[in-house]
PDB file of N, CA and C in Angstrom:
ATOM      1  N   UNK A   1       4.813 -19.375  24.993  1.00  0.00           N
ATOM      2  CA  UNK A   1       6.013 -18.598  24.665  1.00  0.00           C
ATOM      3  C   UNK A   1       5.761 -17.693  23.461  1.00  0.00           C
ATOM      4  N   UNK A   2       4.790 -18.091  22.632  1.00  0.00           N
ATOM      5  CA  UNK A   2       4.452 -17.276  21.456  1.00  0.00           C
ATOM      6  C   UNK A   2       3.913 -15.925  21.913  1.00  0.00           C
ATOM      7  N   UNK A   3       3.099 -15.953  22.969  1.00  0.00           N
ATOM      8  CA  UNK A   3       2.519 -14.708  23.493  1.00  0.00           C
ATOM      9  C   UNK A   3       3.634 -13.770  23.933  1.00  0.00           C
ATOM     10  N   UNK A   4       4.641 -14.330  24.577  1.00  0.00           N
ATOM     11  CA  UNK A   4       5.764 -13.521  25.061  1.00  0.00           C
ATOM     12  C   UNK A   4       6.472 -12.844  23.891  1.00  0.00           C
ATOM     13  N   UNK A   5       6.620 -13.579  22.795  1.00  0.00           N
ATOM     14  CA  UNK A   5       7.286 -13.024  21.608  1.00  0.00           C
ATOM     15  C   UNK A   5       6.466 -11.873  21.037  1.00  0.00           C
ATOM     16  N   UNK A   6       5.150 -12.042  20.987  1.00  0.00           N
ATOM     17  CA  UNK A   6       4.267 -10.996  20.452  1.00  0.00           C
ATOM     18  C   UNK A   6       4.347  -9.755  21.330  1.00  0.00           C
ATOM     19  N   UNK A   7       4.323  -9.951  22.632  1.00  0.00           N
ATOM     20  CA  UNK A   7       4.401  -8.829  23.569  1.00  0.00           C
ATOM     21  C   UNK A   7       5.733  -8.104  23.407  1.00  0.00           C
ATOM     22  N   UNK A   8       6.805  -8.868  23.257  1.00  0.00           N
ATOM     23  CA  UNK A   8       8.134  -8.279  23.103  1.00  0.00           C
ATOM     24  C   UNK A   8       8.206  -7.460  21.820  1.00  0.00           C
ATOM     25  N   UNK A   9       7.617  -7.983  20.747  1.00  0.00           N
ATOM     26  CA  UNK A   9       7.630  -7.262  19.470  1.00  0.00           C
ATOM     27  C   UNK A   9       6.834  -5.965  19.583  1.00  0.00           C
ATOM     28  N   UNK A  10       5.665  -6.047  20.191  1.00  0.00           N
ATOM     29  CA  UNK A  10       4.820  -4.863  20.352  1.00  0.00           C
ATOM     30  C   UNK A  10       5.548  -3.824  21.202  1.00  0.00           C
ATOM     31  N   UNK A  11       6.232  -4.281  22.255  1.00  0.00           N
ATOM     32  CA  UNK A  11       6.964  -3.370  23.127  1.00  0.00           C
ATOM     33  C   UNK A  11       8.095  -2.693  22.363  1.00  0.00           C
ATOM     34  N   UNK A  12       8.788  -3.456  21.529  1.00  0.00           N
ATOM     35  CA  UNK A  12       9.901  -2.907  20.752  1.00  0.00           C
ATOM     36  C   UNK A  12       9.393  -1.846  19.780  1.00  0.00           C
ATOM     37  N   UNK A  13       8.261  -2.133  19.133  1.00  0.00           N
ATOM     38  CA  UNK A  13       7.688  -1.170  18.188  1.00  0.00           C
ATOM     39  C   UNK A  13       7.303   0.111  18.910  1.00  0.00           C
ATOM     40  N   UNK A  14       6.657  -0.036  20.065  1.00  0.00           N
ATOM     41  CA  UNK A  14       6.228   1.120  20.851  1.00  0.00           C
ATOM     42  C   UNK A  14       7.451   1.931  21.272  1.00  0.00           C
ATOM     43  N   UNK A  15       8.498   1.231  21.679  1.00  0.00           N
ATOM     44  CA  UNK A  15       9.721   1.880  22.128  1.00  0.00           C
ATOM     45  C   UNK A  15      10.346   2.684  20.992  1.00  0.00           C
ATOM     46  N   UNK A  16      10.355   2.089  19.804  1.00  0.00           N
ATOM     47  CA  UNK A  16      10.938   2.756  18.638  1.00  0.00           C
ATOM     48  C   UNK A  16      10.149   4.023  18.313  1.00  0.00           C
ATOM     49  N   UNK A  17       8.823   3.924  18.392  1.00  0.00           N
ATOM     50  CA  UNK A  17       7.966   5.073  18.095  1.00  0.00           C
ATOM     51  C   UNK A  17       8.232   6.184  19.105  1.00  0.00           C
ATOM     52  N   UNK A  18       8.412   5.816  20.358  1.00  0.00           N
ATOM     53  CA  UNK A  18       8.665   6.800  21.407  1.00  0.00           C
ATOM     54  C   UNK A  18       9.990   7.513  21.164  1.00  0.00           C
ATOM     55  N   UNK A  19      11.004   6.744  20.792  1.00  0.00           N
ATOM     56  CA  UNK A  19      12.323   7.335  20.519  1.00  0.00           C
ATOM     57  C   UNK A  19      12.223   8.298  19.346  1.00  0.00           C
ATOM     58  N   UNK A  20      11.507   7.867  18.304  1.00  0.00           N
ATOM     59  CA  UNK A  20      11.341   8.704  17.116  1.00  0.00           C
ATOM     60  C   UNK A  20      10.670  10.020  17.502  1.00  0.00           C
ATOM     61  N   UNK A  21       9.631   9.918  18.338  1.00  0.00           N
ATOM     62  CA  UNK A  21       8.890  11.104  18.772  1.00  0.00           C
ATOM     63  C   UNK A  21       9.805  12.045  19.559  1.00  0.00           C
ATOM     64  N   UNK A  22      10.613  11.476  20.425  1.00  0.00           N
ATOM     65  CA  UNK A  22      11.515  12.278  21.247  1.00  0.00           C
ATOM     66  C   UNK A  22      12.514  13.020  20.365  1.00  0.00           C
ATOM     67  N   UNK A  23      13.021  12.344  19.340  1.00  0.00           N
ATOM     68  CA  UNK A  23      13.988  12.977  18.440  1.00  0.00           C
ATOM     69  C   UNK A  23      13.341  14.136  17.690  1.00  0.00           C
ATOM     70  N   UNK A  24      12.093  13.939  17.268  1.00  0.00           N
ATOM     71  CA  UNK A  24      11.387  15.005  16.538  1.00  0.00           C
ATOM     72  C   UNK A  24      11.215  16.227  17.444  1.00  0.00           C
ATOM     73  N   UNK A  25      10.807  15.982  18.686  1.00  0.00           N
ATOM     74  CA  UNK A  25      10.594  17.078  19.637  1.00  0.00           C
ATOM     75  C   UNK A  25      11.907  17.811  19.892  1.00  0.00           C
ATOM     76  N   UNK A  26      12.984  17.056  19.989  1.00  0.00           N
ATOM     77  CA  UNK A  26      14.294  17.657  20.247  1.00  0.00           C
ATOM     78  C   UNK A  26      14.683  18.561  19.076  1.00  0.00           C
ATOM     79  N   UNK A  27      14.387  18.103  17.856  1.00  0.00           N
ATOM     80  CA  UNK A  27      14.706  18.890  16.666  1.00  0.00           C
ATOM     81  C   UNK A  27      13.932  20.206  16.693  1.00  0.00           C
ATOM     82  N   UNK A  28      12.639  20.116  17.017  1.00  0.00           N
ATOM     83  CA  UNK A  28      11.800  21.316  17.093  1.00  0.00           C
ATOM     84  C   UNK A  28      12.357  22.272  18.139  1.00  0.00           C
ATOM     85  N   UNK A  29      12.785  21.711  19.251  1.00  0.00           N
ATOM     86  CA  UNK A  29      13.302  22.514  20.350  1.00  0.00           C
ATOM     87  C   UNK A  29      14.549  23.279  19.910  1.00  0.00           C
ATOM     88  N   UNK A  30      15.410  22.620  19.134  1.00  0.00           N
ATOM     89  CA  UNK A  30      16.641  23.267  18.671  1.00  0.00           C
ATOM     90  C   UNK A  30      16.352  24.337  17.625  1.00  0.00           C
ATOM     91  N   UNK A  31      15.241  24.176  16.903  1.00  0.00           N
ATOM     92  CA  UNK A  31      14.899  25.133  15.846  1.00  0.00           C
ATOM     93  C   UNK A  31      14.376  26.452  16.403  1.00  0.00           C
ATOM     94  N   UNK A  32      13.912  26.440  17.634  1.00  0.00           N
ATOM     95  CA  UNK A  32      13.310  27.643  18.222  1.00  0.00           C
ATOM     96  C   UNK A  32      14.312  28.771  18.457  1.00  0.00           C
TER      97      UNK A  32
END
């Protein structure tokens, strides 16, 4: 079950990074 927790944490971090990236791209898009 520990492995599952580690995988879930890694997935959450990756997800957060993806959202952050999307927001940055959206900001750039609006600035054009």
